[in-house]
Amino acid sequence: MYKVSQLEKEYKKKLITADQAAAYVRNGMRIHFGTGCGAVVDIDKALAKRADELEDVNIISTVAIREEPFEVFKATSSNDQVRFSSAHFSAQDRVMNKEGRCWYIPMMFSELPFLWVNNNNEVDIAYFQVAPMDEHGNFNIGPQVADMWGVLKSAKMRIVEVNKNMPIAHGYQTQINLYGVDYVVEGSNTPLVELPEKPPSEIDKKIAAHVVKNIKSHCTVQLGIGSLPTYIGKMIAESDIRNVEGHTEMMTDAYRYLFEAGKLTGNKPVDRGKLVYTFAGGSKALYDFIDDNPICCSAPVDYVNNYTTISQIPNFISVNSCIGVDLYGQVCAESDGHRQISGTGGQLDFVMGAFGSEGGNSFLCTPSTKTSKSGNVYSLITPVLKEGAIVTTPRMCTDFIVTEYGAVQLKGKSTWQRAELLISIAHPDFREDLIKEAEKMGIWRNTSKLL
């Protein structure tokens, strides 16, 4: 009873309003607004009220899952007031970026916890959402451990925003004690933002079929975000593939489908019995699945995305999407020319980790073509990446590339073999042009033509 009384006293002492929390922001400060579903809501609104007072404030977030950009973004009009940075671009970061207000921090996602505590990257205030405090004085930080402990270690002040809708996430380093935070804000309990599940296109279905035929029983899968990886999860769930495990950067509804189909058995040698992830986003059903479920294990990104961790898991299968591939096998998965689309994330970590895994493989998937707004169709397999495109996976690491026309393995292949293999899965309308360009580049051998 004494302990409870002490906790109640400490809680009341640290309890403040969202307006009071926002009042701690001073001009010139560098603050963090949270990761994933843990991005703050009420404190954001409170800070937006102070828009006219703010100067030279830098707001950082990591793959913030929101329906709209931050309120403080909408309330300000100048980077002289507030500028935004993202360590892993999300949909709303793209909206702010289009307005010239948000910039990407180019980093491997797995390096972020180290970054925040080194190289003069201190954060003045860390704001983040948590579940209500338990009887031991612990706040659960929800299904987004990710880089949060790096942020918290670097922060001069820690302020939590309590949300009753935050799932209780099991895992590693998912708790922060009342004595480890400076202030507590009881939020308005906004429901977590759901990510709509897009139906797969016919091309998605064809690509998925090429991937799934290369997946065997007794494997561990990492699935990225989007209609294609989700459909692959459903295909595995409905197939005769059995004894499937999960170890992934982002937990999505695909894993819920696998669990409900009885595919997840917990027999991998690393983190046995656990579906390991670093952050989550999806439907309410996914958040309910995670809530207080000991099978789901949220862990720091420098563990989840670590090459050594991944490579220790046999038969590791990594599946991610990309934006473009060139005939050398260089892969762009984060920009459309100069326009930032997504972050680097963990694609390269998982590509390398899967290759190091006994029996493992990685699959980078893309439609063969894209149609522009003006109706022009162009190939996503190109002689060289378009100007401004960022190389997410360098050619020496690329394993399988998949389009609707097939899956080809580039790892260990020479430059001319790579060119021929990639042209073989390009759209037929563009193959001859690609051959001509490959000849100019000196990476095409007519005597070895595979088409």
Foldseek 3Di string as FASTA:
>chain_A
DVLLVVLVVLQVVQADALLVVLVPDDEQFEEEQEEALFGDASVLLNVLVCQVVAANYEYEYEQYDDPEAGSNLVSHQDVRGYAYEYAKDYPRLLVCVVSVRYYYDADALLCQLVVLQDDPNAHAEYETEWEDADSNQKTFRAFAQANVVSNLVRYPAYEYEYANQGFRAAAPPRIDGSVSHRHYHDDPNDHGDADDADADDPFLVLLLVQQLVLAAAQEEEEFDDHNNSLVNLLVCLPDPHAQYAAQYAEDECSVVSNVVSVRHDQPWPPRGQAREYNHYHHDSVVSVCRHVPNNYHHDYSNQSLALVNLQSTAAYEYEEEFQAAELLGFTFRAADAQRGDIHLYRPQSNLNSQVSHHNGHYEYEDAQWDADPVGDIDGRYYNDHDHRGDRSHGSQRFAWYTTSQHIDGSHPHDSLVSNLVVLSRHPPVCSVVSQVSCVVVVNHDPVPRPD
